[in-house]
Amino acid sequence: MNTKQLSLQHLIRKPKIESDKPPMLIMLHGYGSDENDLFSFAEELPDELFVISVKAPYAMQPYGNAWYAIHWDNQDGKFSDDEQAKESREKIVDFIDEAVEAYHLDAKNVTLLGFSQGSILSYAVALSYPDKVKNIAALSGYINKGIIKPGFEKNDFSNLSFYCSHGSVDQVIPVEWARKTKPALDELNIENSYSEFPVGHGVAPQNFFELREWLKKRI
């Protein structure tokens, strides 16, 4: 698939309904995956959208990519490399600007759709730079305040809308972590919804259908 030379590798699905400046949806995959993973959803997303599925910058062995390293430590269990995560946050923000210019898209109608690590980064981008995005679909993730710009609570979030979902038996990211997102977003007076589905670390069909209907009303 033809893609322009931007700072992050990506796949695109052009809108099926043409417009002068189409709305953009950026897909951010999870740890150990790549740009092909979420892109399998692209054909089922609203026809107006210019869909871009981005490849995370850190290559893993023997395959796959990550937005930041997860370290396993015998004493403390596993923990995230927040510094790498902040770097990826900035890379995504820069990529939004690049893509808007390169593909002639609507800078005021940008949606992030993230899964797992991609979801955690979506929260960080939106709460750090609420002027860059409009809609956030955060699937199977949680809010990591350690990778959000300091003082973010003072930002203007009136433009944002979040769709958050999680598997009730997620074995990778505990559902208890995800359940904290709605109270946190409510406290910031951000429009949001939170749903749980009886699955593990993945996206149930009914989860995707609910997300798609949510999107249709907001793009």
C-alpha atoms as a PDB file:
ATOM      1  CA  MET A   1       0.000   0.000   0.000  1.00  0.00           C
ATOM      2  CA  ASN A   2       1.385   3.397  -0.966  1.00  0.00           C
ATOM      3  CA  THR A   3       2.355   5.542   1.996  1.00  0.00           C
ATOM      4  CA  LYS A   4       4.317   8.769   2.097  1.00  0.00           C
ATOM      5  CA  GLN A   5       7.713   8.921   3.804  1.00  0.00           C
ATOM      6  CA  LEU A   6       6.754  10.138   7.266  1.00  0.00           C
ATOM      7  CA  SER A   7       8.653   9.644  10.533  1.00  0.00           C
ATOM      8  CA  LEU A   8       6.787   6.436  11.470  1.00  0.00           C
ATOM      9  CA  GLN A   9       6.058   3.508   9.166  1.00  0.00           C
ATOM     10  CA  HIS A  10       2.350   3.060   8.510  1.00  0.00           C
ATOM     11  CA  LEU A  11      -0.440   1.631   6.384  1.00  0.00           C
ATOM     12  CA  ILE A  12      -3.359   3.653   5.049  1.00  0.00           C
ATOM     13  CA  ARG A  13      -6.963   3.086   4.019  1.00  0.00           C
ATOM     14  CA  LYS A  14      -8.280   6.032   2.062  1.00  0.00           C
ATOM     15  CA  PRO A  15     -11.852   7.222   2.695  1.00  0.00           C
ATOM     16  CA  LYS A  16     -14.588   5.490   0.720  1.00  0.00           C
ATOM     17  CA  ILE A  17     -16.524   8.760   0.815  1.00  0.00           C
ATOM     18  CA  GLU A  18     -14.379  11.573  -0.571  1.00  0.00           C
ATOM     19  CA  SER A  19     -14.169  15.017   1.011  1.00  0.00           C
ATOM     20  CA  ASP A  20     -11.807  18.009   0.825  1.00  0.00           C
ATOM     21  CA  LYS A  21     -10.280  17.369   4.253  1.00  0.00           C
ATOM     22  CA  PRO A  22     -11.212  13.917   5.552  1.00  0.00           C
ATOM     23  CA  PRO A  23     -11.251  13.082   9.259  1.00  0.00           C
ATOM     24  CA  MET A  24      -8.292  10.941  10.330  1.00  0.00           C
ATOM     25  CA  LEU A  25      -8.184   7.847  12.546  1.00  0.00           C
ATOM     26  CA  ILE A  26      -4.756   6.682  13.733  1.00  0.00           C
ATOM     27  CA  MET A  27      -4.362   3.106  14.966  1.00  0.00           C
ATOM     28  CA  LEU A  28      -1.763   2.382  17.648  1.00  0.00           C
ATOM     29  CA  HIS A  29      -1.069  -1.325  18.170  1.00  0.00           C
ATOM     30  CA  GLY A  30      -0.038  -3.175  21.316  1.00  0.00           C
ATOM     31  CA  TYR A  31       3.266  -4.498  22.665  1.00  0.00           C
ATOM     32  CA  GLY A  32       4.912  -7.061  20.404  1.00  0.00           C
ATOM     33  CA  SER A  33       2.575  -6.475  17.477  1.00  0.00           C
ATOM     34  CA  ASP A  34       2.835  -4.275  14.369  1.00  0.00           C
ATOM     35  CA  GLU A  35       0.871  -2.038  11.999  1.00  0.00           C
ATOM     36  CA  ASN A  36      -0.916  -4.980  10.379  1.00  0.00           C
ATOM     37  CA  ASP A  37      -2.705  -6.022  13.569  1.00  0.00           C
ATOM     38  CA  LEU A  38      -5.397  -3.369  14.076  1.00  0.00           C
ATOM     39  CA  PHE A  39      -5.437  -2.637  10.338  1.00  0.00           C
ATOM     40  CA  SER A  40      -7.603  -5.747   9.927  1.00  0.00           C
ATOM     41  CA  PHE A  41     -10.423  -3.588  11.372  1.00  0.00           C
ATOM     42  CA  ALA A  42      -9.904  -0.791   8.841  1.00  0.00           C
ATOM     43  CA  GLU A  43     -12.422  -1.925   6.218  1.00  0.00           C
ATOM     44  CA  GLU A  44     -15.160  -2.070   8.866  1.00  0.00           C
ATOM     45  CA  LEU A  45     -14.650   1.498  10.080  1.00  0.00           C
ATOM     46  CA  PRO A  46     -16.835   4.436   8.915  1.00  0.00           C
ATOM     47  CA  ASP A  47     -16.377   5.239   5.216  1.00  0.00           C
ATOM     48  CA  GLU A  48     -15.578   8.924   5.824  1.00  0.00           C
ATOM     49  CA  LEU A  49     -12.370   8.145   7.713  1.00  0.00           C
ATOM     50  CA  PHE A  50      -8.820   8.272   6.419  1.00  0.00           C
ATOM     51  CA  VAL A  51      -7.365   5.370   8.426  1.00  0.00           C
ATOM     52  CA  ILE A  52      -3.664   5.187   9.287  1.00  0.00           C
ATOM     53  CA  SER A  53      -2.190   2.220  11.161  1.00  0.00           C
ATOM     54  CA  VAL A  54       1.203   3.107  12.635  1.00  0.00           C
ATOM     55  CA  LYS A  55       4.153   0.862  13.451  1.00  0.00           C
ATOM     56  CA  ALA A  56       5.717   1.447  16.880  1.00  0.00           C
ATOM     57  CA  PRO A  57       9.350   2.632  16.753  1.00  0.00           C
ATOM     58  CA  TYR A  58      11.112  -0.012  18.876  1.00  0.00           C
ATOM     59  CA  ALA A  59      11.831  -3.335  17.141  1.00  0.00           C
ATOM     60  CA  MET A  60      11.613  -6.491  19.223  1.00  0.00           C
ATOM     61  CA  GLN A  61      13.301  -9.858  18.738  1.00  0.00           C
ATOM     62  CA  PRO A  62      12.525 -12.082  16.921  1.00  0.00           C
ATOM     63  CA  TYR A  63       9.632  -9.958  15.562  1.00  0.00           C
ATOM     64  CA  GLY A  64       7.078  -7.329  16.518  1.00  0.00           C
ATOM     65  CA  ASN A  65       7.435  -3.786  17.808  1.00  0.00           C
ATOM     66  CA  ALA A  66       6.803  -1.825  20.987  1.00  0.00           C
ATOM     67  CA  TRP A  67       6.071   1.781  21.918  1.00  0.00           C
ATOM     68  CA  TYR A  68       8.275   1.306  24.990  1.00  0.00           C
ATOM     69  CA  ALA A  69      10.137  -1.484  26.729  1.00  0.00           C
ATOM     70  CA  ILE A  70       8.627  -3.550  29.501  1.00  0.00           C
ATOM     71  CA  HIS A  71      11.310  -4.793  31.884  1.00  0.00           C
ATOM     72  CA  TRP A  72      11.007  -7.963  33.892  1.00  0.00           C
ATOM     73  CA  ASP A  73      12.707  -7.772  37.259  1.00  0.00           C
ATOM     74  CA  ASN A  74      12.900 -10.614  39.771  1.00  0.00           C
ATOM     75  CA  GLN A  75      12.366  -8.246  42.690  1.00  0.00           C
ATOM     76  CA  ASP A  76       9.725  -5.851  41.408  1.00  0.00           C
ATOM     77  CA  GLY A  77       7.940  -7.912  38.767  1.00  0.00           C
ATOM     78  CA  LYS A  78       7.498  -6.045  35.494  1.00  0.00           C
ATOM     79  CA  PHE A  79       7.608  -2.313  34.929  1.00  0.00           C
ATOM     80  CA  SER A  80       7.330   0.077  32.000  1.00  0.00           C
ATOM     81  CA  ASP A  81      10.099   2.248  30.599  1.00  0.00           C
ATOM     82  CA  ASP A  82       8.352   5.582  31.085  1.00  0.00           C
ATOM     83  CA  GLU A  83      11.122   7.570  29.413  1.00  0.00           C
ATOM     84  CA  GLN A  84      10.728   5.570  26.196  1.00  0.00           C
ATOM     85  CA  ALA A  85       6.964   5.952  26.508  1.00  0.00           C
ATOM     86  CA  LYS A  86       7.305   9.745  26.702  1.00  0.00           C
ATOM     87  CA  GLU A  87       9.502   9.681  23.586  1.00  0.00           C
ATOM     88  CA  SER A  88       6.842   7.667  21.774  1.00  0.00           C
ATOM     89  CA  ARG A  89       4.182  10.107  22.965  1.00  0.00           C
ATOM     90  CA  GLU A  90       6.084  12.932  21.284  1.00  0.00           C
ATOM     91  CA  LYS A  91       6.644  10.843  18.130  1.00  0.00           C
ATOM     92  CA  ILE A  92       2.883  10.283  17.842  1.00  0.00           C
ATOM     93  CA  VAL A  93       2.142  13.988  18.304  1.00  0.00           C
ATOM     94  CA  ASP A  94       4.665  14.864  15.587  1.00  0.00           C
ATOM     95  CA  PHE A  95       3.230  12.159  13.330  1.00  0.00           C
ATOM     96  CA  ILE A  96      -0.281  13.623  13.655  1.00  0.00           C
ATOM     97  CA  ASP A  97       1.001  16.941  12.266  1.00  0.00           C
ATOM     98  CA  GLU A  98       2.974  15.205   9.510  1.00  0.00           C
ATOM     99  CA  ALA A  99      -0.001  13.100   8.420  1.00  0.00           C
ATOM    100  CA  VAL A 100      -2.410  16.049   8.398  1.00  0.00           C
ATOM    101  CA  GLU A 101      -0.074  17.911   6.058  1.00  0.00           C
ATOM    102  CA  ALA A 102       1.006  14.976   3.882  1.00  0.00           C
ATOM    103  CA  TYR A 103      -2.489  13.591   3.263  1.00  0.00           C
ATOM    104  CA  HIS A 104      -4.450  16.893   3.471  1.00  0.00           C
ATOM    105  CA  LEU A 105      -6.572  15.855   6.437  1.00  0.00           C
ATOM    106  CA  ASP A 106      -8.775  17.699   8.932  1.00  0.00           C
ATOM    107  CA  ALA A 107      -6.558  18.686  11.869  1.00  0.00           C
ATOM    108  CA  LYS A 108      -9.647  19.338  13.997  1.00  0.00           C
ATOM    109  CA  ASN A 109     -11.101  15.857  13.501  1.00  0.00           C
ATOM    110  CA  VAL A 110      -8.436  13.393  14.634  1.00  0.00           C
ATOM    111  CA  THR A 111      -9.264  10.091  16.340  1.00  0.00           C
ATOM    112  CA  LEU A 112      -6.794   7.803  18.106  1.00  0.00           C
ATOM    113  CA  LEU A 113      -7.660   4.109  18.347  1.00  0.00           C
ATOM    114  CA  GLY A 114      -5.230   2.305  20.615  1.00  0.00           C
ATOM    115  CA  PHE A 115      -4.995  -1.225  21.955  1.00  0.00           C
ATOM    116  CA  SER A 116      -3.030  -2.113  25.122  1.00  0.00           C
ATOM    117  CA  GLN A 117       0.267  -0.133  24.907  1.00  0.00           C
ATOM    118  CA  GLY A 118      -1.296   1.862  22.068  1.00  0.00           C
ATOM    119  CA  SER A 119      -4.230   2.642  24.351  1.00  0.00           C
ATOM    120  CA  ILE A 120      -1.939   3.775  27.190  1.00  0.00           C
ATOM    121  CA  LEU A 121      -0.150   6.079  24.706  1.00  0.00           C
ATOM    122  CA  SER A 122      -3.495   7.367  23.399  1.00  0.00           C
ATOM    123  CA  TYR A 123      -4.438   8.503  26.913  1.00  0.00           C
ATOM    124  CA  ALA A 124      -1.029  10.170  27.289  1.00  0.00           C
ATOM    125  CA  VAL A 125      -1.231  12.013  23.957  1.00  0.00           C
ATOM    126  CA  ALA A 126      -4.801  13.211  24.477  1.00  0.00           C
ATOM    127  CA  LEU A 127      -4.335  14.386  28.065  1.00  0.00           C
ATOM    128  CA  SER A 128      -0.975  16.038  27.277  1.00  0.00           C
ATOM    129  CA  TYR A 129      -2.072  17.622  23.977  1.00  0.00           C
ATOM    130  CA  PRO A 130      -5.895  17.867  23.931  1.00  0.00           C
ATOM    131  CA  ASP A 131      -5.732  20.345  21.045  1.00  0.00           C
ATOM    132  CA  LYS A 132      -4.279  17.622  18.766  1.00  0.00           C
ATOM    133  CA  VAL A 133      -7.087  15.068  19.005  1.00  0.00           C
ATOM    134  CA  LYS A 134     -10.858  14.908  19.247  1.00  0.00           C
ATOM    135  CA  ASN A 135     -11.882  11.286  19.823  1.00  0.00           C
ATOM    136  CA  ILE A 136      -9.994   8.562  21.659  1.00  0.00           C
ATOM    137  CA  ALA A 137     -10.885   4.873  21.567  1.00  0.00           C
ATOM    138  CA  ALA A 138      -8.821   3.309  24.347  1.00  0.00           C
ATOM    139  CA  LEU A 139      -9.102  -0.486  24.232  1.00  0.00           C
ATOM    140  CA  SER A 140      -7.602  -2.673  26.967  1.00  0.00           C
ATOM    141  CA  GLY A 141      -5.411   0.027  28.478  1.00  0.00           C
ATOM    142  CA  TYR A 142      -5.197   2.353  31.467  1.00  0.00           C
ATOM    143  CA  ILE A 143      -4.024   5.854  32.406  1.00  0.00           C
ATOM    144  CA  ASN A 144      -0.323   6.002  33.341  1.00  0.00           C
ATOM    145  CA  LYS A 145       0.135   9.465  34.842  1.00  0.00           C
ATOM    146  CA  GLY A 146       3.911   8.998  34.752  1.00  0.00           C
ATOM    147  CA  ILE A 147       3.943   9.493  30.968  1.00  0.00           C
ATOM    148  CA  ILE A 148       1.577  12.488  30.792  1.00  0.00           C
ATOM    149  CA  LYS A 149       2.998  16.018  30.651  1.00  0.00           C
ATOM    150  CA  PRO A 150       3.212  17.598  34.124  1.00  0.00           C
ATOM    151  CA  GLY A 151       0.375  20.005  34.889  1.00  0.00           C
ATOM    152  CA  PHE A 152      -1.946  18.324  32.391  1.00  0.00           C
ATOM    153  CA  GLU A 153      -4.877  18.737  34.778  1.00  0.00           C
ATOM    154  CA  LYS A 154      -5.028  22.432  33.841  1.00  0.00           C
ATOM    155  CA  ASN A 155      -5.550  21.733  30.111  1.00  0.00           C
ATOM    156  CA  ASP A 156      -8.779  22.503  28.255  1.00  0.00           C
ATOM    157  CA  PHE A 157     -10.416  19.132  27.605  1.00  0.00           C
ATOM    158  CA  SER A 158     -13.765  20.438  26.350  1.00  0.00           C
ATOM    159  CA  ASN A 159     -13.110  19.097  22.836  1.00  0.00           C
ATOM    160  CA  LEU A 160     -12.301  15.520  23.914  1.00  0.00           C
ATOM    161  CA  SER A 161     -14.449  12.417  23.940  1.00  0.00           C
ATOM    162  CA  PHE A 162     -13.257   8.979  25.139  1.00  0.00           C
ATOM    163  CA  TYR A 163     -14.537   5.489  24.448  1.00  0.00           C
ATOM    164  CA  CYS A 164     -12.859   3.104  26.901  1.00  0.00           C
ATOM    165  CA  SER A 165     -13.268  -0.663  27.074  1.00  0.00           C
ATOM    166  CA  HIS A 166     -11.650  -3.662  28.722  1.00  0.00           C
ATOM    167  CA  GLY A 167     -11.956  -7.404  29.046  1.00  0.00           C
ATOM    168  CA  SER A 168     -13.340  -8.413  32.437  1.00  0.00           C
ATOM    169  CA  VAL A 169     -10.938 -11.389  32.560  1.00  0.00           C
ATOM    170  CA  ASP A 170      -7.897  -9.635  31.058  1.00  0.00           C
ATOM    171  CA  GLN A 171      -4.815 -11.581  32.135  1.00  0.00           C
ATOM    172  CA  VAL A 172      -2.303  -8.962  30.894  1.00  0.00           C
ATOM    173  CA  ILE A 173      -3.635  -5.621  32.179  1.00  0.00           C
ATOM    174  CA  PRO A 174      -5.828  -6.064  35.288  1.00  0.00           C
ATOM    175  CA  VAL A 175      -9.394  -4.855  34.816  1.00  0.00           C
ATOM    176  CA  GLU A 176      -9.053  -3.007  38.154  1.00  0.00           C
ATOM    177  CA  TRP A 177      -6.561  -0.655  36.488  1.00  0.00           C
ATOM    178  CA  ALA A 178      -8.992   0.076  33.659  1.00  0.00           C
ATOM    179  CA  ARG A 179     -11.864   0.719  36.065  1.00  0.00           C
ATOM    180  CA  LYS A 180      -9.967   3.727  37.415  1.00  0.00           C
ATOM    181  CA  THR A 181     -10.116   5.486  34.022  1.00  0.00           C
ATOM    182  CA  LYS A 182     -13.751   6.610  34.173  1.00  0.00           C
ATOM    183  CA  PRO A 183     -13.462   8.262  37.613  1.00  0.00           C
ATOM    184  CA  ALA A 184     -10.217   9.942  36.478  1.00  0.00           C
ATOM    185  CA  LEU A 185     -11.796  11.282  33.273  1.00  0.00           C
ATOM    186  CA  ASP A 186     -14.971  12.317  35.134  1.00  0.00           C
ATOM    187  CA  GLU A 187     -12.828  14.305  37.560  1.00  0.00           C
ATOM    188  CA  LEU A 188     -11.365  16.204  34.583  1.00  0.00           C
ATOM    189  CA  ASN A 189     -14.905  16.813  33.217  1.00  0.00           C
ATOM    190  CA  ILE A 190     -14.093  14.873  30.037  1.00  0.00           C
ATOM    191  CA  GLU A 191     -16.909  13.211  28.110  1.00  0.00           C
ATOM    192  CA  ASN A 192     -16.331   9.457  28.327  1.00  0.00           C
ATOM    193  CA  SER A 193     -17.894   6.026  28.360  1.00  0.00           C
ATOM    194  CA  TYR A 194     -16.530   2.780  29.794  1.00  0.00           C
ATOM    195  CA  SER A 195     -17.560  -0.750  28.835  1.00  0.00           C
ATOM    196  CA  GLU A 196     -16.454  -4.212  29.896  1.00  0.00           C
ATOM    197  CA  PHE A 197     -16.766  -7.423  27.912  1.00  0.00           C
ATOM    198  CA  PRO A 198     -16.361 -11.054  29.081  1.00  0.00           C
ATOM    199  CA  VAL A 199     -13.045 -11.623  27.302  1.00  0.00           C
ATOM    200  CA  GLY A 200      -9.318 -11.620  28.078  1.00  0.00           C
ATOM    201  CA  HIS A 201      -6.744  -9.270  26.536  1.00  0.00           C
ATOM    202  CA  GLY A 202      -8.496  -8.721  23.224  1.00  0.00           C
ATOM    203  CA  VAL A 203     -11.420  -7.066  21.451  1.00  0.00           C
ATOM    204  CA  ALA A 204     -14.734  -8.931  21.435  1.00  0.00           C
ATOM    205  CA  PRO A 205     -16.963  -8.538  18.331  1.00  0.00           C
ATOM    206  CA  GLN A 206     -19.636  -6.720  20.351  1.00  0.00           C
ATOM    207  CA  ASN A 207     -16.887  -4.415  21.660  1.00  0.00           C
ATOM    208  CA  PHE A 208     -15.947  -3.462  18.104  1.00  0.00           C
ATOM    209  CA  PHE A 209     -19.574  -2.921  17.050  1.00  0.00           C
ATOM    210  CA  GLU A 210     -20.182  -0.636  20.042  1.00  0.00           C
ATOM    211  CA  LEU A 211     -17.000   1.308  19.260  1.00  0.00           C
ATOM    212  CA  ARG A 212     -18.006   1.686  15.606  1.00  0.00           C
ATOM    213  CA  GLU A 213     -21.423   3.113  16.533  1.00  0.00           C
ATOM    214  CA  TRP A 214     -19.742   5.500  18.976  1.00  0.00           C
ATOM    215  CA  LEU A 215     -17.396   6.666  16.217  1.00  0.00           C
ATOM    216  CA  LYS A 216     -20.156   7.194  13.662  1.00  0.00           C
ATOM    217  CA  LYS A 217     -21.792   9.756  15.934  1.00  0.00           C
ATOM    218  CA  ARG A 218     -18.595  11.757  16.451  1.00  0.00           C
ATOM    219  CA  ILE A 219     -16.684  12.050  13.187  1.00  0.00           C
END
